[in-house]
Amino acid sequence: PYARGNTLTAIKLEKDLPAEKRVAWTAQLGSDVPTPVYQAGKVYNLGDKGVVTCIDAPTGKVLWQESLPRNRNAYSSSPILAGNHLYCSREDGMT
């Protein structure tokens, strides 16, 4: 994520790709602080305001999006995947 939470960009890591072919996709969502997490072909992005987005990693297609309970505290920690569970914590410790 970059641009203060406005975009999320997937970069191809293939060694000999020219720079202009390295961007796999860009999505108009992101987060200022949390870093996305990857598992089994899916990227899970947590926005600072508690919006979780599941993205198909190869294509950048949004598979689903869910809003977590609203609160005055932001979601500043990165999401954690453990088994089949995605954990998202707010600044007040609520997970």
N, C-alpha and C. Protein backbone atom coordinates (compact mmCIF):
# COMPACT_ATOMS: atom_id res chain seq x y z
N PRO A 1 0.83 -1.20 0.00
CA PRO A 1 0.00 0.00 0.00
C PRO A 1 0.87 1.26 0.00
N TYR A 2 0.38 2.32 -0.59
CA TYR A 2 1.09 3.59 -0.56
C TYR A 2 0.12 4.71 -0.89
N ALA A 3 0.61 5.88 -0.98
CA ALA A 3 -0.18 7.09 -1.26
C ALA A 3 -1.15 7.38 -0.13
N ARG A 4 -0.68 7.20 1.10
CA ARG A 4 -1.48 7.51 2.29
C ARG A 4 -2.81 6.76 2.31
N GLY A 5 -2.78 5.49 1.89
CA GLY A 5 -3.96 4.66 2.00
C GLY A 5 -4.89 4.68 0.81
N ASN A 6 -4.48 5.21 -0.31
CA ASN A 6 -5.37 5.30 -1.45
C ASN A 6 -5.22 4.17 -2.47
N THR A 7 -4.07 3.53 -2.50
CA THR A 7 -3.88 2.47 -3.49
C THR A 7 -3.12 1.28 -2.91
N LEU A 8 -3.35 0.14 -3.53
CA LEU A 8 -2.63 -1.09 -3.21
C LEU A 8 -2.12 -1.63 -4.54
N THR A 9 -0.83 -1.88 -4.63
CA THR A 9 -0.23 -2.32 -5.89
C THR A 9 0.50 -3.64 -5.70
N ALA A 10 0.25 -4.58 -6.60
CA ALA A 10 0.94 -5.87 -6.59
C ALA A 10 2.09 -5.80 -7.59
N ILE A 11 3.25 -6.23 -7.15
CA ILE A 11 4.45 -6.18 -7.97
C ILE A 11 4.92 -7.60 -8.29
N LYS A 12 5.23 -7.85 -9.55
CA LYS A 12 5.79 -9.14 -9.96
C LYS A 12 7.25 -9.20 -9.54
N LEU A 13 7.67 -10.31 -9.01
CA LEU A 13 9.04 -10.43 -8.51
C LEU A 13 9.98 -11.16 -9.46
N GLU A 14 9.53 -11.46 -10.66
CA GLU A 14 10.38 -12.16 -11.62
C GLU A 14 11.63 -11.35 -11.92
N LYS A 15 12.75 -11.99 -11.86
CA LYS A 15 14.06 -11.33 -11.89
C LYS A 15 14.33 -10.50 -13.15
N ASP A 16 14.02 -11.01 -14.32
CA ASP A 16 14.42 -10.34 -15.55
C ASP A 16 13.33 -9.51 -16.21
N LEU A 17 12.28 -9.19 -15.50
CA LEU A 17 11.22 -8.35 -16.08
C LEU A 17 11.67 -6.90 -16.18
N PRO A 18 11.37 -6.25 -17.28
CA PRO A 18 11.67 -4.82 -17.36
C PRO A 18 10.76 -4.05 -16.40
N ALA A 19 11.20 -2.92 -15.95
CA ALA A 19 10.47 -2.13 -14.95
C ALA A 19 9.03 -1.85 -15.35
N GLU A 20 8.77 -1.57 -16.62
CA GLU A 20 7.42 -1.22 -17.05
C GLU A 20 6.45 -2.40 -17.03
N LYS A 21 6.94 -3.62 -16.81
CA LYS A 21 6.08 -4.81 -16.75
C LYS A 21 5.99 -5.41 -15.35
N ARG A 22 6.53 -4.73 -14.37
CA ARG A 22 6.56 -5.27 -13.01
C ARG A 22 5.25 -5.13 -12.24
N VAL A 23 4.42 -4.15 -12.58
CA VAL A 23 3.14 -3.97 -11.87
C VAL A 23 2.14 -5.01 -12.37
N ALA A 24 1.68 -5.87 -11.46
CA ALA A 24 0.68 -6.89 -11.81
C ALA A 24 -0.71 -6.27 -11.85
N TRP A 25 -1.04 -5.47 -10.84
CA TRP A 25 -2.33 -4.76 -10.76
C TRP A 25 -2.27 -3.70 -9.68
N THR A 26 -3.19 -2.75 -9.78
CA THR A 26 -3.35 -1.70 -8.79
C THR A 26 -4.82 -1.61 -8.43
N ALA A 27 -5.12 -1.52 -7.15
CA ALA A 27 -6.50 -1.38 -6.68
C ALA A 27 -6.65 -0.05 -5.96
N GLN A 28 -7.81 0.55 -6.07
CA GLN A 28 -8.07 1.83 -5.42
C GLN A 28 -8.56 1.60 -3.99
N LEU A 29 -7.74 0.98 -3.22
CA LEU A 29 -7.97 0.79 -1.80
C LEU A 29 -6.62 0.60 -1.16
N GLY A 30 -6.56 0.77 0.07
CA GLY A 30 -5.28 0.61 0.75
C GLY A 30 -5.42 0.95 2.20
N SER A 31 -4.31 1.17 2.83
CA SER A 31 -4.29 1.54 4.23
C SER A 31 -3.04 2.37 4.47
N ASP A 32 -3.12 3.23 5.44
CA ASP A 32 -1.97 4.07 5.74
C ASP A 32 -0.94 3.31 6.58
N VAL A 33 -1.41 2.47 7.48
CA VAL A 33 -0.49 1.79 8.39
C VAL A 33 -0.49 0.26 8.23
N PRO A 34 -1.65 -0.44 8.31
CA PRO A 34 -1.61 -1.90 8.23
C PRO A 34 -1.06 -2.40 6.89
N THR A 35 -0.31 -3.49 6.96
CA THR A 35 0.23 -4.14 5.79
C THR A 35 -0.68 -5.32 5.44
N PRO A 36 -0.99 -5.53 4.16
CA PRO A 36 -1.82 -6.68 3.79
C PRO A 36 -1.14 -8.00 4.13
N VAL A 37 -1.92 -9.06 4.18
CA VAL A 37 -1.40 -10.39 4.43
C VAL A 37 -1.87 -11.31 3.29
N TYR A 38 -1.06 -12.31 2.98
CA TYR A 38 -1.33 -13.20 1.85
C TYR A 38 -1.45 -14.64 2.33
N GLN A 39 -2.41 -15.37 1.75
CA GLN A 39 -2.51 -16.81 2.00
C GLN A 39 -3.30 -17.45 0.87
N ALA A 40 -2.77 -18.53 0.31
CA ALA A 40 -3.46 -19.37 -0.66
C ALA A 40 -4.07 -18.58 -1.82
N GLY A 41 -3.29 -17.69 -2.40
CA GLY A 41 -3.76 -16.96 -3.56
C GLY A 41 -4.66 -15.78 -3.29
N LYS A 42 -4.80 -15.43 -2.03
CA LYS A 42 -5.65 -14.30 -1.66
C LYS A 42 -4.87 -13.29 -0.82
N VAL A 43 -5.15 -12.02 -1.05
CA VAL A 43 -4.56 -10.94 -0.26
C VAL A 43 -5.68 -10.36 0.60
N TYR A 44 -5.41 -10.19 1.89
CA TYR A 44 -6.37 -9.60 2.82
C TYR A 44 -5.83 -8.25 3.23
N ASN A 45 -6.60 -7.22 2.94
CA ASN A 45 -6.19 -5.85 3.24
C ASN A 45 -7.12 -5.28 4.30
N LEU A 46 -6.54 -4.68 5.33
CA LEU A 46 -7.31 -4.02 6.40
C LEU A 46 -7.06 -2.54 6.31
N GLY A 47 -8.11 -1.78 6.07
CA GLY A 47 -8.00 -0.33 6.04
C GLY A 47 -8.01 0.25 7.45
N ASP A 48 -7.48 1.44 7.60
CA ASP A 48 -7.38 2.09 8.91
C ASP A 48 -8.74 2.23 9.61
N LYS A 49 -9.81 2.32 8.83
CA LYS A 49 -11.15 2.51 9.40
C LYS A 49 -11.90 1.20 9.58
N GLY A 50 -11.22 0.06 9.37
CA GLY A 50 -11.82 -1.23 9.65
C GLY A 50 -12.53 -1.90 8.49
N VAL A 51 -12.19 -1.55 7.27
CA VAL A 51 -12.76 -2.24 6.11
C VAL A 51 -11.76 -3.32 5.68
N VAL A 52 -12.22 -4.58 5.69
CA VAL A 52 -11.39 -5.70 5.28
C VAL A 52 -11.79 -6.07 3.85
N THR A 53 -10.78 -6.21 2.99
CA THR A 53 -11.03 -6.57 1.60
C THR A 53 -10.22 -7.81 1.25
N CYS A 54 -10.88 -8.79 0.65
CA CYS A 54 -10.21 -10.00 0.17
C CYS A 54 -10.05 -9.86 -1.34
N ILE A 55 -8.81 -10.01 -1.81
CA ILE A 55 -8.47 -9.78 -3.21
C ILE A 55 -7.84 -11.05 -3.79
N ASP A 56 -8.25 -11.40 -5.00
CA ASP A 56 -7.60 -12.50 -5.72
C ASP A 56 -6.20 -12.03 -6.11
N ALA A 57 -5.17 -12.67 -5.57
CA ALA A 57 -3.79 -12.19 -5.77
C ALA A 57 -3.35 -12.15 -7.23
N PRO A 58 -3.64 -13.16 -8.04
CA PRO A 58 -3.17 -13.09 -9.43
C PRO A 58 -3.82 -12.00 -10.27
N THR A 59 -5.11 -11.70 -10.01
CA THR A 59 -5.84 -10.78 -10.89
C THR A 59 -6.12 -9.41 -10.29
N GLY A 60 -6.13 -9.30 -8.96
CA GLY A 60 -6.49 -8.04 -8.31
C GLY A 60 -7.98 -7.85 -8.16
N LYS A 61 -8.77 -8.85 -8.52
CA LYS A 61 -10.23 -8.76 -8.40
C LYS A 61 -10.64 -8.83 -6.93
N VAL A 62 -11.53 -7.90 -6.52
CA VAL A 62 -12.05 -7.92 -5.15
C VAL A 62 -13.06 -9.07 -5.05
N LEU A 63 -12.81 -9.99 -4.12
CA LEU A 63 -13.68 -11.15 -3.92
C LEU A 63 -14.78 -10.84 -2.92
N TRP A 64 -14.42 -10.13 -1.86
CA TRP A 64 -15.42 -9.67 -0.89
C TRP A 64 -14.84 -8.54 -0.07
N GLN A 65 -15.76 -7.82 0.58
CA GLN A 65 -15.36 -6.69 1.43
C GLN A 65 -16.33 -6.63 2.60
N GLU A 66 -15.79 -6.38 3.80
CA GLU A 66 -16.60 -6.36 5.01
C GLU A 66 -16.13 -5.23 5.92
N SER A 67 -17.08 -4.54 6.53
CA SER A 67 -16.74 -3.48 7.49
C SER A 67 -16.79 -4.05 8.90
N LEU A 68 -15.72 -3.83 9.65
CA LEU A 68 -15.67 -4.23 11.05
C LEU A 68 -16.40 -3.19 11.89
N PRO A 69 -16.72 -3.52 13.16
CA PRO A 69 -17.44 -2.55 13.99
C PRO A 69 -16.74 -1.19 14.05
N ARG A 70 -17.52 -0.14 13.86
CA ARG A 70 -16.98 1.23 13.89
C ARG A 70 -16.63 1.62 15.32
N ASN A 71 -15.57 2.42 15.42
CA ASN A 71 -15.10 2.87 16.72
C ASN A 71 -14.23 4.09 16.47
N ARG A 72 -14.03 4.91 17.50
CA ARG A 72 -13.16 6.07 17.33
C ARG A 72 -11.69 5.67 17.20
N ASN A 73 -11.35 4.44 17.59
CA ASN A 73 -9.97 3.94 17.49
C ASN A 73 -9.74 3.34 16.10
N ALA A 74 -8.60 3.63 15.53
CA ALA A 74 -8.26 3.14 14.19
C ALA A 74 -7.71 1.71 14.27
N TYR A 75 -7.64 1.10 13.10
CA TYR A 75 -7.00 -0.20 12.95
C TYR A 75 -5.59 0.08 12.43
N SER A 76 -4.62 0.09 13.32
CA SER A 76 -3.25 0.44 12.94
C SER A 76 -2.33 -0.77 12.86
N SER A 77 -2.77 -1.92 13.37
CA SER A 77 -1.91 -3.10 13.28
C SER A 77 -2.28 -3.89 12.03
N SER A 78 -1.32 -4.61 11.51
CA SER A 78 -1.57 -5.43 10.33
C SER A 78 -2.41 -6.64 10.71
N PRO A 79 -3.26 -7.11 9.79
CA PRO A 79 -4.05 -8.31 10.09
C PRO A 79 -3.12 -9.52 10.23
N ILE A 80 -3.59 -10.51 10.98
CA ILE A 80 -2.82 -11.73 11.21
C ILE A 80 -3.67 -12.91 10.77
N LEU A 81 -3.08 -13.81 10.00
CA LEU A 81 -3.74 -15.06 9.62
C LEU A 81 -3.19 -16.18 10.48
N ALA A 82 -4.09 -16.94 11.10
CA ALA A 82 -3.69 -18.11 11.89
C ALA A 82 -4.71 -19.20 11.59
N GLY A 83 -4.25 -20.25 10.93
CA GLY A 83 -5.19 -21.29 10.49
C GLY A 83 -6.16 -20.69 9.50
N ASN A 84 -7.44 -20.86 9.75
CA ASN A 84 -8.46 -20.29 8.87
C ASN A 84 -9.07 -19.02 9.45
N HIS A 85 -8.37 -18.36 10.34
CA HIS A 85 -8.90 -17.17 11.00
C HIS A 85 -8.06 -15.94 10.65
N LEU A 86 -8.76 -14.84 10.43
CA LEU A 86 -8.13 -13.55 10.17
C LEU A 86 -8.39 -12.68 11.39
N TYR A 87 -7.33 -12.23 12.03
CA TYR A 87 -7.44 -11.40 13.23
C TYR A 87 -7.10 -9.95 12.90
N CYS A 88 -7.97 -9.04 13.31
CA CYS A 88 -7.77 -7.61 13.07
C CYS A 88 -7.93 -6.90 14.42
N SER A 89 -6.95 -6.09 14.78
CA SER A 89 -6.97 -5.43 16.09
C SER A 89 -6.99 -3.91 15.93
N ARG A 90 -7.80 -3.27 16.79
CA ARG A 90 -7.86 -1.81 16.82
C ARG A 90 -6.82 -1.29 17.80
N GLU A 91 -6.65 0.02 17.80
CA GLU A 91 -5.69 0.65 18.71
C GLU A 91 -6.07 0.49 20.19
N ASP A 92 -7.34 0.22 20.49
CA ASP A 92 -7.74 0.02 21.89
C ASP A 92 -7.58 -1.43 22.32
N GLY A 93 -7.06 -2.30 21.43
CA GLY A 93 -6.81 -3.69 21.77
C GLY A 93 -7.93 -4.64 21.39
N MET A 94 -9.09 -4.14 20.99
CA MET A 94 -10.19 -5.01 20.58
C MET A 94 -9.78 -5.76 19.33
N THR A 95 -9.91 -7.09 19.37
CA THR A 95 -9.52 -7.95 18.24
C THR A 95 -10.73 -8.72 17.75
